[in-house]
Amino acid sequence: MFKRHKEPADATIIEQRSIAHAPNLGLAAAGESVVEVRPATGAPFRTMVQTPHLAIDHSPPSKGQVVKVLLDSKHESAVFDQSDPGLSRRVRKQAREARFNEAQNAALGGAASGAPAAAGLEG
């Protein structure tokens, strides 16, 4: 099978919808996104991009988010670039945990993580 989508480009999520969700199977939500693709050469265009099948680490993008895509400019079609950290469930989880830890440290007066919580802040 030939891979047509090989030109890297940025795209903005215009709208999206979920089609199916199977969290008990460890699968990401299947969905479709309308994106505006900005190729390196040529005019921007809008197209539909689907969530990759069996994309275990794929995290659905948010409306307005800029993501990386691989495009086929001849057919004006695109697919999500799975190397984009903005589409990684693992990267997003690590960022949430880092933000929580920063907020917790600020609430504890800058105490190092793993230190006992201040009185009244447990739990």
PDB file of N, CA and C in Angstrom:
ATOM      1  N   MET A   1       0.846  -1.180   0.000  1.00  0.00           N
ATOM      2  CA  MET A   1       0.000   0.000   0.000  1.00  0.00           C
ATOM      3  C   MET A   1       0.888   1.238   0.000  1.00  0.00           C
ATOM      4  N   PHE A   2       0.574   2.189  -0.843  1.00  0.00           N
ATOM      5  CA  PHE A   2       1.346   3.420  -0.947  1.00  0.00           C
ATOM      6  C   PHE A   2       0.804   4.458   0.018  1.00  0.00           C
ATOM      7  N   LYS A   3       1.701   5.190   0.638  1.00  0.00           N
ATOM      8  CA  LYS A   3       1.288   6.264   1.538  1.00  0.00           C
ATOM      9  C   LYS A   3       1.293   7.564   0.764  1.00  0.00           C
ATOM     10  N   ARG A   4       0.098   8.122   0.558  1.00  0.00           N
ATOM     11  CA  ARG A   4      -0.017   9.381  -0.174  1.00  0.00           C
ATOM     12  C   ARG A   4       0.289  10.576   0.714  1.00  0.00           C
ATOM     13  N   HIS A   5      -0.052  10.468   1.985  1.00  0.00           N
ATOM     14  CA  HIS A   5       0.069  11.609   2.895  1.00  0.00           C
ATOM     15  C   HIS A   5       1.492  11.686   3.425  1.00  0.00           C
ATOM     16  N   LYS A   6       2.263  12.631   2.894  1.00  0.00           N
ATOM     17  CA  LYS A   6       3.648  12.697   3.340  1.00  0.00           C
ATOM     18  C   LYS A   6       4.178  14.108   3.513  1.00  0.00           C
ATOM     19  N   GLU A   7       3.445  15.125   3.099  1.00  0.00           N
ATOM     20  CA  GLU A   7       3.921  16.495   3.270  1.00  0.00           C
ATOM     21  C   GLU A   7       3.496  17.016   4.639  1.00  0.00           C
ATOM     22  N   PRO A   8       4.442  17.419   5.495  1.00  0.00           N
ATOM     23  CA  PRO A   8       4.060  17.953   6.805  1.00  0.00           C
ATOM     24  C   PRO A   8       3.457  19.347   6.671  1.00  0.00           C
ATOM     25  N   ALA A   9       2.465  19.629   7.509  1.00  0.00           N
ATOM     26  CA  ALA A   9       1.816  20.940   7.519  1.00  0.00           C
ATOM     27  C   ALA A   9       1.144  21.147   8.869  1.00  0.00           C
ATOM     28  N   ASP A  10       0.769  22.379   9.136  1.00  0.00           N
ATOM     29  CA  ASP A  10      -0.012  22.703  10.328  1.00  0.00           C
ATOM     30  C   ASP A  10      -1.468  22.821   9.934  1.00  0.00           C
ATOM     31  N   ALA A  11      -2.348  22.490  10.872  1.00  0.00           N
ATOM     32  CA  ALA A  11      -3.782  22.599  10.631  1.00  0.00           C
ATOM     33  C   ALA A  11      -4.462  23.055  11.911  1.00  0.00           C
ATOM     34  N   THR A  12      -5.531  23.808  11.764  1.00  0.00           N
ATOM     35  CA  THR A  12      -6.322  24.265  12.902  1.00  0.00           C
ATOM     36  C   THR A  12      -7.626  23.487  12.928  1.00  0.00           C
ATOM     37  N   ILE A  13      -7.989  22.991  14.112  1.00  0.00           N
ATOM     38  CA  ILE A  13      -9.247  22.257  14.265  1.00  0.00           C
ATOM     39  C   ILE A  13     -10.383  23.273  14.225  1.00  0.00           C
ATOM     40  N   ILE A  14     -11.280  23.136  13.251  1.00  0.00           N
ATOM     41  CA  ILE A  14     -12.410  24.035  13.097  1.00  0.00           C
ATOM     42  C   ILE A  14     -13.625  23.498  13.857  1.00  0.00           C
ATOM     43  N   GLU A  15     -13.907  22.215  13.679  1.00  0.00           N
ATOM     44  CA  GLU A  15     -15.046  21.573  14.347  1.00  0.00           C
ATOM     45  C   GLU A  15     -14.746  20.095  14.439  1.00  0.00           C
ATOM     46  N   GLN A  16     -15.385  19.421  15.396  1.00  0.00           N
ATOM     47  CA  GLN A  16     -15.158  17.989  15.549  1.00  0.00           C
ATOM     48  C   GLN A  16     -16.385  17.314  16.117  1.00  0.00           C
ATOM     49  N   ARG A  17     -16.438  15.999  15.930  1.00  0.00           N
ATOM     50  CA  ARG A  17     -17.522  15.214  16.515  1.00  0.00           C
ATOM     51  C   ARG A  17     -17.018  13.814  16.810  1.00  0.00           C
ATOM     52  N   SER A  18     -17.576  13.227  17.860  1.00  0.00           N
ATOM     53  CA  SER A  18     -17.249  11.853  18.225  1.00  0.00           C
ATOM     54  C   SER A  18     -18.198  10.922  17.502  1.00  0.00           C
ATOM     55  N   ILE A  19     -17.671   9.800  17.087  1.00  0.00           N
ATOM     56  CA  ILE A  19     -18.483   8.800  16.407  1.00  0.00           C
ATOM     57  C   ILE A  19     -18.732   7.618  17.340  1.00  0.00           C
ATOM     58  N   ALA A  20     -17.677   7.160  18.018  1.00  0.00           N
ATOM     59  CA  ALA A  20     -17.783   6.022  18.923  1.00  0.00           C
ATOM     60  C   ALA A  20     -16.700   6.150  19.979  1.00  0.00           C
ATOM     61  N   HIS A  21     -16.901   5.457  21.104  1.00  0.00           N
ATOM     62  CA  HIS A  21     -15.935   5.507  22.190  1.00  0.00           C
ATOM     63  C   HIS A  21     -15.909   4.142  22.858  1.00  0.00           C
ATOM     64  N   ALA A  22     -14.738   3.586  23.049  1.00  0.00           N
ATOM     65  CA  ALA A  22     -14.605   2.273  23.677  1.00  0.00           C
ATOM     66  C   ALA A  22     -13.504   2.303  24.725  1.00  0.00           C
ATOM     67  N   PRO A  23     -13.702   3.069  25.838  1.00  0.00           N
ATOM     68  CA  PRO A  23     -12.635   3.168  26.842  1.00  0.00           C
ATOM     69  C   PRO A  23     -12.339   1.843  27.524  1.00  0.00           C
ATOM     70  N   ASN A  24     -13.339   0.953  27.630  1.00  0.00           N
ATOM     71  CA  ASN A  24     -13.094  -0.332  28.269  1.00  0.00           C
ATOM     72  C   ASN A  24     -12.155  -1.212  27.451  1.00  0.00           C
ATOM     73  N   LEU A  25     -11.999  -0.901  26.166  1.00  0.00           N
ATOM     74  CA  LEU A  25     -11.053  -1.623  25.324  1.00  0.00           C
ATOM     75  C   LEU A  25      -9.714  -0.899  25.229  1.00  0.00           C
ATOM     76  N   GLY A  26      -9.607   0.245  25.891  1.00  0.00           N
ATOM     77  CA  GLY A  26      -8.378   1.019  25.853  1.00  0.00           C
ATOM     78  C   GLY A  26      -8.209   1.792  24.569  1.00  0.00           C
ATOM     79  N   LEU A  27      -9.291   2.003  23.839  1.00  0.00           N
ATOM     80  CA  LEU A  27      -9.206   2.698  22.562  1.00  0.00           C
ATOM     81  C   LEU A  27      -9.623   4.146  22.706  1.00  0.00           C
ATOM     82  N   ALA A  28      -9.002   5.001  21.925  1.00  0.00           N
ATOM     83  CA  ALA A  28      -9.362   6.420  21.906  1.00  0.00           C
ATOM     84  C   ALA A  28     -10.719   6.578  21.243  1.00  0.00           C
ATOM     85  N   ALA A  29     -11.348   7.702  21.501  1.00  0.00           N
ATOM     86  CA  ALA A  29     -12.625   7.991  20.867  1.00  0.00           C
ATOM     87  C   ALA A  29     -12.426   8.122  19.366  1.00  0.00           C
ATOM     88  N   ALA A  30     -13.292   7.442  18.613  1.00  0.00           N
ATOM     89  CA  ALA A  30     -13.247   7.589  17.166  1.00  0.00           C
ATOM     90  C   ALA A  30     -13.983   8.872  16.832  1.00  0.00           C
ATOM     91  N   GLY A  31     -13.398   9.665  15.981  1.00  0.00           N
ATOM     92  CA  GLY A  31     -14.039  10.928  15.659  1.00  0.00           C
ATOM     93  C   GLY A  31     -13.592  11.484  14.338  1.00  0.00           C
ATOM     94  N   GLU A  32     -14.239  12.559  13.970  1.00  0.00           N
ATOM     95  CA  GLU A  32     -13.909  13.276  12.751  1.00  0.00           C
ATOM     96  C   GLU A  32     -13.688  14.727  13.107  1.00  0.00           C
ATOM     97  N   SER A  33     -12.743  15.343  12.432  1.00  0.00           N
ATOM     98  CA  SER A  33     -12.455  16.755  12.651  1.00  0.00           C
ATOM     99  C   SER A  33     -12.416  17.475  11.314  1.00  0.00           C
ATOM    100  N   VAL A  34     -13.036  18.647  11.263  1.00  0.00           N
ATOM    101  CA  VAL A  34     -12.876  19.525  10.115  1.00  0.00           C
ATOM    102  C   VAL A  34     -11.671  20.396  10.443  1.00  0.00           C
ATOM    103  N   VAL A  35     -10.684  20.398   9.552  1.00  0.00           N
ATOM    104  CA  VAL A  35      -9.457  21.147   9.795  1.00  0.00           C
ATOM    105  C   VAL A  35      -9.183  22.106   8.644  1.00  0.00           C
ATOM    106  N   GLU A  36      -8.524  23.212   8.973  1.00  0.00           N
ATOM    107  CA  GLU A  36      -8.030  24.116   7.943  1.00  0.00           C
ATOM    108  C   GLU A  36      -6.530  23.894   7.852  1.00  0.00           C
ATOM    109  N   VAL A  37      -6.103  23.349   6.728  1.00  0.00           N
ATOM    110  CA  VAL A  37      -4.703  22.993   6.502  1.00  0.00           C
ATOM    111  C   VAL A  37      -3.987  24.155   5.832  1.00  0.00           C
ATOM    112  N   ARG A  38      -2.776  24.460   6.344  1.00  0.00           N
ATOM    113  CA  ARG A  38      -1.937  25.506   5.754  1.00  0.00           C
ATOM    114  C   ARG A  38      -0.670  24.854   5.200  1.00  0.00           C
ATOM    115  N   PRO A  39      -0.713  24.469   3.909  1.00  0.00           N
ATOM    116  CA  PRO A  39       0.481  23.851   3.320  1.00  0.00           C
ATOM    117  C   PRO A  39       1.617  24.861   3.171  1.00  0.00           C
ATOM    118  N   ALA A  40       2.827  24.349   3.058  1.00  0.00           N
ATOM    119  CA  ALA A  40       3.997  25.223   2.881  1.00  0.00           C
ATOM    120  C   ALA A  40       3.888  26.004   1.579  1.00  0.00           C
ATOM    121  N   THR A  41       3.325  25.381   0.562  1.00  0.00           N
ATOM    122  CA  THR A  41       3.096  26.063  -0.718  1.00  0.00           C
ATOM    123  C   THR A  41       1.627  25.885  -1.081  1.00  0.00           C
ATOM    124  N   GLY A  42       1.061  26.879  -1.683  1.00  0.00           N
ATOM    125  CA  GLY A  42      -0.336  26.791  -2.083  1.00  0.00           C
ATOM    126  C   GLY A  42      -1.255  27.427  -1.055  1.00  0.00           C
ATOM    127  N   ALA A  43      -2.519  27.495  -1.418  1.00  0.00           N
ATOM    128  CA  ALA A  43      -3.525  28.136  -0.571  1.00  0.00           C
ATOM    129  C   ALA A  43      -4.017  27.189   0.520  1.00  0.00           C
ATOM    130  N   PRO A  44      -4.415  27.742   1.673  1.00  0.00           N
ATOM    131  CA  PRO A  44      -5.019  26.911   2.720  1.00  0.00           C
ATOM    132  C   PRO A  44      -6.314  26.275   2.201  1.00  0.00           C
ATOM    133  N   PHE A  45      -6.658  25.121   2.762  1.00  0.00           N
ATOM    134  CA  PHE A  45      -7.901  24.458   2.390  1.00  0.00           C
ATOM    135  C   PHE A  45      -8.465  23.724   3.595  1.00  0.00           C
ATOM    136  N   ARG A  46      -9.757  23.438   3.544  1.00  0.00           N
ATOM    137  CA  ARG A  46     -10.416  22.687   4.619  1.00  0.00           C
ATOM    138  C   ARG A  46     -10.691  21.272   4.139  1.00  0.00           C
ATOM    139  N   THR A  47     -10.538  20.337   5.078  1.00  0.00           N
ATOM    140  CA  THR A  47     -10.798  18.930   4.781  1.00  0.00           C
ATOM    141  C   THR A  47     -11.194  18.219   6.064  1.00  0.00           C
ATOM    142  N   MET A  48     -11.657  16.995   5.940  1.00  0.00           N
ATOM    143  CA  MET A  48     -12.043  16.163   7.077  1.00  0.00           C
ATOM    144  C   MET A  48     -10.892  15.230   7.421  1.00  0.00           C
ATOM    145  N   VAL A  49     -10.588  15.099   8.706  1.00  0.00           N
ATOM    146  CA  VAL A  49      -9.548  14.189   9.176  1.00  0.00           C
ATOM    147  C   VAL A  49     -10.189  13.276  10.213  1.00  0.00           C
ATOM    148  N   GLN A  50      -9.947  11.984  10.092  1.00  0.00           N
ATOM    149  CA  GLN A  50     -10.504  11.022  11.036  1.00  0.00           C
ATOM    150  C   GLN A  50      -9.453  10.579  12.039  1.00  0.00           C
ATOM    151  N   THR A  51      -9.926  10.225  13.240  1.00  0.00           N
ATOM    152  CA  THR A  51      -9.041   9.671  14.256  1.00  0.00           C
ATOM    153  C   THR A  51      -8.475   8.363  13.715  1.00  0.00           C
ATOM    154  N   PRO A  52      -7.175   8.143  13.855  1.00  0.00           N
ATOM    155  CA  PRO A  52      -6.582   6.900  13.358  1.00  0.00           C
ATOM    156  C   PRO A  52      -7.168   5.685  14.084  1.00  0.00           C
ATOM    157  N   HIS A  53      -7.326   4.576  13.358  1.00  0.00           N
ATOM    158  CA  HIS A  53      -7.819   3.346  13.963  1.00  0.00           C
ATOM    159  C   HIS A  53      -6.755   2.781  14.898  1.00  0.00           C
ATOM    160  N   LEU A  54      -7.183   2.266  16.022  1.00  0.00           N
ATOM    161  CA  LEU A  54      -6.295   1.674  17.023  1.00  0.00           C
ATOM    162  C   LEU A  54      -5.201   2.633  17.477  1.00  0.00           C
ATOM    163  N   ALA A  55      -5.551   3.874  17.627  1.00  0.00           N
ATOM    164  CA  ALA A  55      -4.596   4.886  18.088  1.00  0.00           C
ATOM    165  C   ALA A  55      -4.643   4.925  19.615  1.00  0.00           C
ATOM    166  N   ILE A  56      -3.912   4.050  20.243  1.00  0.00           N
ATOM    167  CA  ILE A  56      -3.947   3.895  21.688  1.00  0.00           C
ATOM    168  C   ILE A  56      -3.524   5.182  22.398  1.00  0.00           C
ATOM    169  N   ASP A  57      -2.522   5.890  21.876  1.00  0.00           N
ATOM    170  CA  ASP A  57      -2.008   7.087  22.542  1.00  0.00           C
ATOM    171  C   ASP A  57      -2.631   8.369  21.992  1.00  0.00           C
ATOM    172  N   HIS A  58      -3.596   8.267  21.096  1.00  0.00           N
ATOM    173  CA  HIS A  58      -4.189   9.461  20.474  1.00  0.00           C
ATOM    174  C   HIS A  58      -5.158  10.142  21.436  1.00  0.00           C
ATOM    175  N   SER A  59      -4.992  11.433  21.587  1.00  0.00           N
ATOM    176  CA  SER A  59      -5.906  12.242  22.385  1.00  0.00           C
ATOM    177  C   SER A  59      -6.623  13.198  21.438  1.00  0.00           C
ATOM    178  N   PRO A  60      -7.953  13.158  21.394  1.00  0.00           N
ATOM    179  CA  PRO A  60      -8.664  14.021  20.448  1.00  0.00           C
ATOM    180  C   PRO A  60      -8.301  15.490  20.658  1.00  0.00           C
ATOM    181  N   PRO A  61      -8.049  16.215  19.584  1.00  0.00           N
ATOM    182  CA  PRO A  61      -7.697  17.629  19.714  1.00  0.00           C
ATOM    183  C   PRO A  61      -8.907  18.471  20.087  1.00  0.00           C
ATOM    184  N   SER A  62      -8.649  19.668  20.560  1.00  0.00           N
ATOM    185  CA  SER A  62      -9.701  20.606  20.938  1.00  0.00           C
ATOM    186  C   SER A  62      -9.974  21.562  19.792  1.00  0.00           C
ATOM    187  N   LYS A  63     -11.185  22.084  19.771  1.00  0.00           N
ATOM    188  CA  LYS A  63     -11.552  23.072  18.762  1.00  0.00           C
ATOM    189  C   LYS A  63     -10.611  24.275  18.893  1.00  0.00           C
ATOM    190  N   GLY A  64     -10.039  24.708  17.778  1.00  0.00           N
ATOM    191  CA  GLY A  64      -9.105  25.830  17.775  1.00  0.00           C
ATOM    192  C   GLY A  64      -7.653  25.422  17.944  1.00  0.00           C
ATOM    193  N   GLN A  65      -7.394  24.181  18.330  1.00  0.00           N
ATOM    194  CA  GLN A  65      -6.022  23.708  18.536  1.00  0.00           C
ATOM    195  C   GLN A  65      -5.299  23.597  17.198  1.00  0.00           C
ATOM    196  N   VAL A  66      -4.033  23.984  17.183  1.00  0.00           N
ATOM    197  CA  VAL A  66      -3.195  23.821  15.993  1.00  0.00           C
ATOM    198  C   VAL A  66      -2.456  22.496  16.145  1.00  0.00           C
ATOM    199  N   VAL A  67      -2.596  21.636  15.138  1.00  0.00           N
ATOM    200  CA  VAL A  67      -1.981  20.309  15.168  1.00  0.00           C
ATOM    201  C   VAL A  67      -1.144  20.108  13.913  1.00  0.00           C
ATOM    202  N   LYS A  68      -0.305  19.101  13.963  1.00  0.00           N
ATOM    203  CA  LYS A  68       0.505  18.747  12.797  1.00  0.00           C
ATOM    204  C   LYS A  68      -0.234  17.659  12.019  1.00  0.00           C
ATOM    205  N   VAL A  69      -0.222  17.809  10.695  1.00  0.00           N
ATOM    206  CA  VAL A  69      -0.837  16.821   9.817  1.00  0.00           C
ATOM    207  C   VAL A  69       0.136  16.459   8.707  1.00  0.00           C
ATOM    208  N   LEU A  70      -0.138  15.343   8.079  1.00  0.00           N
ATOM    209  CA  LEU A  70       0.570  14.939   6.875  1.00  0.00           C
ATOM    210  C   LEU A  70      -0.445  15.046   5.757  1.00  0.00           C
ATOM    211  N   LEU A  71      -0.091  15.755   4.683  1.00  0.00           N
ATOM    212  CA  LEU A  71      -1.098  16.005   3.671  1.00  0.00           C
ATOM    213  C   LEU A  71      -0.716  15.487   2.305  1.00  0.00           C
ATOM    214  N   ASP A  72      -1.732  15.291   1.522  1.00  0.00           N
ATOM    215  CA  ASP A  72      -1.619  14.968   0.106  1.00  0.00           C
ATOM    216  C   ASP A  72      -2.222  16.159  -0.609  1.00  0.00           C
ATOM    217  N   SER A  73      -1.372  17.094  -1.036  1.00  0.00           N
ATOM    218  CA  SER A  73      -1.874  18.340  -1.611  1.00  0.00           C
ATOM    219  C   SER A  73      -2.571  18.116  -2.947  1.00  0.00           C
ATOM    220  N   LYS A  74      -2.212  17.075  -3.653  1.00  0.00           N
ATOM    221  CA  LYS A  74      -2.858  16.790  -4.936  1.00  0.00           C
ATOM    222  C   LYS A  74      -4.339  16.500  -4.747  1.00  0.00           C
ATOM    223  N   HIS A  75      -4.677  15.747  -3.688  1.00  0.00           N
ATOM    224  CA  HIS A  75      -6.063  15.378  -3.429  1.00  0.00           C
ATOM    225  C   HIS A  75      -6.703  16.238  -2.327  1.00  0.00           C
ATOM    226  N   GLU A  76      -5.952  17.207  -1.800  1.00  0.00           N
ATOM    227  CA  GLU A  76      -6.396  18.058  -0.697  1.00  0.00           C
ATOM    228  C   GLU A  76      -6.999  17.232   0.442  1.00  0.00           C
ATOM    229  N   SER A  77      -6.216  16.252   0.902  1.00  0.00           N
ATOM    230  CA  SER A  77      -6.610  15.421   2.031  1.00  0.00           C
ATOM    231  C   SER A  77      -5.457  15.387   3.032  1.00  0.00           C
ATOM    232  N   ALA A  78      -5.774  15.009   4.256  1.00  0.00           N
ATOM    233  CA  ALA A  78      -4.757  15.000   5.312  1.00  0.00           C
ATOM    234  C   ALA A  78      -5.074  13.926   6.340  1.00  0.00           C
ATOM    235  N   VAL A  79      -4.047  13.562   7.102  1.00  0.00           N
ATOM    236  CA  VAL A  79      -4.179  12.666   8.247  1.00  0.00           C
ATOM    237  C   VAL A  79      -3.412  13.297   9.407  1.00  0.00           C
ATOM    238  N   PHE A  80      -3.806  12.956  10.639  1.00  0.00           N
ATOM    239  CA  PHE A  80      -3.079  13.463  11.798  1.00  0.00           C
ATOM    240  C   PHE A  80      -1.661  12.909  11.788  1.00  0.00           C
ATOM    241  N   ASP A  81      -0.688  13.739  12.144  1.00  0.00           N
ATOM    242  CA  ASP A  81       0.702  13.316  12.286  1.00  0.00           C
ATOM    243  C   ASP A  81       0.847  12.772  13.707  1.00  0.00           C
ATOM    244  N   GLN A  82       0.992  11.464  13.839  1.00  0.00           N
ATOM    245  CA  GLN A  82       1.025  10.830  15.155  1.00  0.00           C
ATOM    246  C   GLN A  82       2.276  11.169  15.963  1.00  0.00           C
ATOM    247  N   SER A  83       3.256  11.843  15.346  1.00  0.00           N
ATOM    248  CA  SER A  83       4.436  12.261  16.103  1.00  0.00           C
ATOM    249  C   SER A  83       4.207  13.604  16.799  1.00  0.00           C
ATOM    250  N   ASP A  84       3.034  14.224  16.595  1.00  0.00           N
ATOM    251  CA  ASP A  84       2.714  15.512  17.226  1.00  0.00           C
ATOM    252  C   ASP A  84       2.427  15.294  18.703  1.00  0.00           C
ATOM    253  N   PRO A  85       3.236  15.877  19.609  1.00  0.00           N
ATOM    254  CA  PRO A  85       2.993  15.681  21.038  1.00  0.00           C
ATOM    255  C   PRO A  85       1.643  16.238  21.492  1.00  0.00           C
ATOM    256  N   GLY A  86       1.088  17.193  20.755  1.00  0.00           N
ATOM    257  CA  GLY A  86      -0.213  17.749  21.103  1.00  0.00           C
ATOM    258  C   GLY A  86      -1.364  16.776  20.906  1.00  0.00           C
ATOM    259  N   LEU A  87      -1.099  15.649  20.243  1.00  0.00           N
ATOM    260  CA  LEU A  87      -2.127  14.631  20.023  1.00  0.00           C
ATOM    261  C   LEU A  87      -1.886  13.392  20.880  1.00  0.00           C
ATOM    262  N   SER A  88      -0.933  13.471  21.801  1.00  0.00           N
ATOM    263  CA  SER A  88      -0.563  12.327  22.630  1.00  0.00           C
ATOM    264  C   SER A  88      -1.291  12.361  23.970  1.00  0.00           C
ATOM    265  N   ARG A  89      -2.022  11.300  24.267  1.00  0.00           N
ATOM    266  CA  ARG A  89      -2.708  11.171  25.559  1.00  0.00           C
ATOM    267  C   ARG A  89      -1.682  11.183  26.696  1.00  0.00           C
ATOM    268  N   ARG A  90      -0.569  10.509  26.497  1.00  0.00           N
ATOM    269  CA  ARG A  90       0.471  10.426  27.534  1.00  0.00           C
ATOM    270  C   ARG A  90       1.065  11.811  27.823  1.00  0.00           C
ATOM    271  N   VAL A  91       1.367  12.580  26.776  1.00  0.00           N
ATOM    272  CA  VAL A  91       1.942  13.916  26.959  1.00  0.00           C
ATOM    273  C   VAL A  91       0.947  14.833  27.665  1.00  0.00           C
ATOM    274  N   ARG A  92      -0.323  14.767  27.273  1.00  0.00           N
ATOM    275  CA  ARG A  92      -1.338  15.604  27.927  1.00  0.00           C
ATOM    276  C   ARG A  92      -1.493  15.237  29.399  1.00  0.00           C
ATOM    277  N   LYS A  93      -1.434  13.931  29.716  1.00  0.00           N
ATOM    278  CA  LYS A  93      -1.546  13.494  31.111  1.00  0.00           C
ATOM    279  C   LYS A  93      -0.363  14.016  31.924  1.00  0.00           C
ATOM    280  N   GLN A  94       0.845  13.939  31.356  1.00  0.00           N
ATOM    281  CA  GLN A  94       2.026  14.445  32.053  1.00  0.00           C
ATOM    282  C   GLN A  94       1.922  15.948  32.291  1.00  0.00           C
ATOM    283  N   ALA A  95       1.388  16.687  31.320  1.00  0.00           N
ATOM    284  CA  ALA A  95       1.226  18.136  31.474  1.00  0.00           C
ATOM    285  C   ALA A  95       0.213  18.454  32.576  1.00  0.00           C
ATOM    286  N   ARG A  96      -0.907  17.695  32.625  1.00  0.00           N
ATOM    287  CA  ARG A  96      -1.904  17.900  33.697  1.00  0.00           C
ATOM    288  C   ARG A  96      -1.289  17.640  35.066  1.00  0.00           C
ATOM    289  N   GLU A  97      -0.520  16.554  35.172  1.00  0.00           N
ATOM    290  CA  GLU A  97       0.117  16.218  36.446  1.00  0.00           C
ATOM    291  C   GLU A  97       1.126  17.287  36.845  1.00  0.00           C
ATOM    292  N   ALA A  98       1.890  17.821  35.889  1.00  0.00           N
ATOM    293  CA  ALA A  98       2.868  18.868  36.185  1.00  0.00           C
ATOM    294  C   ALA A  98       2.155  20.135  36.675  1.00  0.00           C
ATOM    295  N   ARG A  99       1.043  20.502  36.011  1.00  0.00           N
ATOM    296  CA  ARG A  99       0.280  21.688  36.454  1.00  0.00           C
ATOM    297  C   ARG A  99      -0.266  21.482  37.858  1.00  0.00           C
ATOM    298  N   PHE A 100      -0.764  20.278  38.152  1.00  0.00           N
ATOM    299  CA  PHE A 100      -1.289  19.986  39.478  1.00  0.00           C
ATOM    300  C   PHE A 100      -0.177  20.081  40.519  1.00  0.00           C
ATOM    301  N   ASN A 101       0.975  19.493  40.209  1.00  0.00           N
ATOM    302  CA  ASN A 101       2.092  19.528  41.155  1.00  0.00           C
ATOM    303  C   ASN A 101       2.562  20.953  41.413  1.00  0.00           C
ATOM    304  N   GLU A 102       2.593  21.792  40.362  1.00  0.00           N
ATOM    305  CA  GLU A 102       2.967  23.196  40.541  1.00  0.00           C
ATOM    306  C   GLU A 102       1.971  23.917  41.439  1.00  0.00           C
ATOM    307  N   ALA A 103       0.685  23.682  41.225  1.00  0.00           N
ATOM    308  CA  ALA A 103      -0.352  24.316  42.046  1.00  0.00           C
ATOM    309  C   ALA A 103      -0.262  23.826  43.484  1.00  0.00           C
ATOM    310  N   GLN A 104      -0.007  22.537  43.647  1.00  0.00           N
ATOM    311  CA  GLN A 104       0.113  21.979  44.993  1.00  0.00           C
ATOM    312  C   GLN A 104       1.327  22.581  45.703  1.00  0.00           C
ATOM    313  N   ASN A 105       2.445  22.692  45.015  1.00  0.00           N
ATOM    314  CA  ASN A 105       3.644  23.268  45.624  1.00  0.00           C
ATOM    315  C   ASN A 105       3.423  24.731  45.998  1.00  0.00           C
ATOM    316  N   ALA A 106       2.715  25.468  45.139  1.00  0.00           N
ATOM    317  CA  ALA A 106       2.421  26.867  45.446  1.00  0.00           C
ATOM    318  C   ALA A 106       1.518  26.971  46.670  1.00  0.00           C
ATOM    319  N   ALA A 107       0.555  26.053  46.779  1.00  0.00           N
ATOM    320  CA  ALA A 107      -0.362  26.070  47.921  1.00  0.00           C
ATOM    321  C   ALA A 107       0.362  25.705  49.215  1.00  0.00           C
ATOM    322  N   LEU A 108       1.409  24.902  49.094  1.00  0.00           N
ATOM    323  CA  LEU A 108       2.162  24.473  50.268  1.00  0.00           C
ATOM    324  C   LEU A 108       3.332  25.407  50.554  1.00  0.00           C
ATOM    325  N   GLY A 109       3.369  26.534  49.894  1.00  0.00           N
ATOM    326  CA  GLY A 109       4.449  27.492  50.123  1.00  0.00           C
ATOM    327  C   GLY A 109       5.753  27.067  49.496  1.00  0.00           C
ATOM    328  N   GLY A 110       5.685  26.332  48.375  1.00  0.00           N
ATOM    329  CA  GLY A 110       6.908  25.951  47.674  1.00  0.00           C
ATOM    330  C   GLY A 110       7.570  24.725  48.222  1.00  0.00           C
ATOM    331  N   ALA A 111       6.854  23.937  49.041  1.00  0.00           N
ATOM    332  CA  ALA A 111       7.434  22.712  49.587  1.00  0.00           C
ATOM    333  C   ALA A 111       7.735  21.743  48.449  1.00  0.00           C
ATOM    334  N   ALA A 112       8.782  20.973  48.586  1.00  0.00           N
ATOM    335  CA  ALA A 112       9.163  20.012  47.556  1.00  0.00           C
ATOM    336  C   ALA A 112       8.109  18.925  47.443  1.00  0.00           C
ATOM    337  N   SER A 113       7.929  18.387  46.245  1.00  0.00           N
ATOM    338  CA  SER A 113       6.946  17.330  46.079  1.00  0.00           C
ATOM    339  C   SER A 113       7.373  16.122  46.889  1.00  0.00           C
ATOM    340  N   GLY A 114       6.400  15.438  47.456  1.00  0.00           N
ATOM    341  CA  GLY A 114       6.687  14.298  48.301  1.00  0.00           C
ATOM    342  C   GLY A 114       6.820  14.702  49.758  1.00  0.00           C
ATOM    343  N   ALA A 115       6.890  16.009  50.052  1.00  0.00           N
ATOM    344  CA  ALA A 115       6.962  16.459  51.435  1.00  0.00           C
ATOM    345  C   ALA A 115       5.569  16.349  52.068  1.00  0.00           C
ATOM    346  N   PRO A 116       5.480  16.202  53.381  1.00  0.00           N
ATOM    347  CA  PRO A 116       4.176  16.123  54.024  1.00  0.00           C
ATOM    348  C   PRO A 116       3.370  17.387  53.757  1.00  0.00           C
ATOM    349  N   ALA A 117       2.079  17.186  53.592  1.00  0.00           N
ATOM    350  CA  ALA A 117       1.189  18.313  53.321  1.00  0.00           C
ATOM    351  C   ALA A 117       1.020  19.174  54.565  1.00  0.00           C
ATOM    352  N   ALA A 118       0.801  20.461  54.341  1.00  0.00           N
ATOM    353  CA  ALA A 118       0.558  21.384  55.450  1.00  0.00           C
ATOM    354  C   ALA A 118      -0.768  21.060  56.106  1.00  0.00           C
ATOM    355  N   ALA A 119      -0.915  21.423  57.355  1.00  0.00           N
ATOM    356  CA  ALA A 119      -2.143  21.152  58.110  1.00  0.00           C
ATOM    357  C   ALA A 119      -3.345  21.729  57.379  1.00  0.00           C
ATOM    358  N   GLY A 120      -4.395  20.904  57.255  1.00  0.00           N
ATOM    359  CA  GLY A 120      -5.623  21.361  56.631  1.00  0.00           C
ATOM    360  C   GLY A 120      -5.634  21.223  55.122  1.00  0.00           C
ATOM    361  N   LEU A 121      -4.520  20.785  54.524  1.00  0.00           N
ATOM    362  CA  LEU A 121      -4.474  20.663  53.062  1.00  0.00           C
ATOM    363  C   LEU A 121      -4.422  19.205  52.618  1.00  0.00           C
ATOM    364  N   GLU A 122      -4.527  18.275  53.543  1.00  0.00           N
ATOM    365  CA  GLU A 122      -4.491  16.864  53.144  1.00  0.00           C
ATOM    366  C   GLU A 122      -5.792  16.502  52.453  1.00  0.00           C
ATOM    367  N   GLY A 123      -5.653  15.429  51.624  1.00  0.00           N
ATOM    368  CA  GLY A 123      -6.799  14.769  51.129  1.00  0.00           C
ATOM    369  C   GLY A 123      -7.516  15.243  50.010  1.00  0.00           C
TER     370      GLY A 123
END
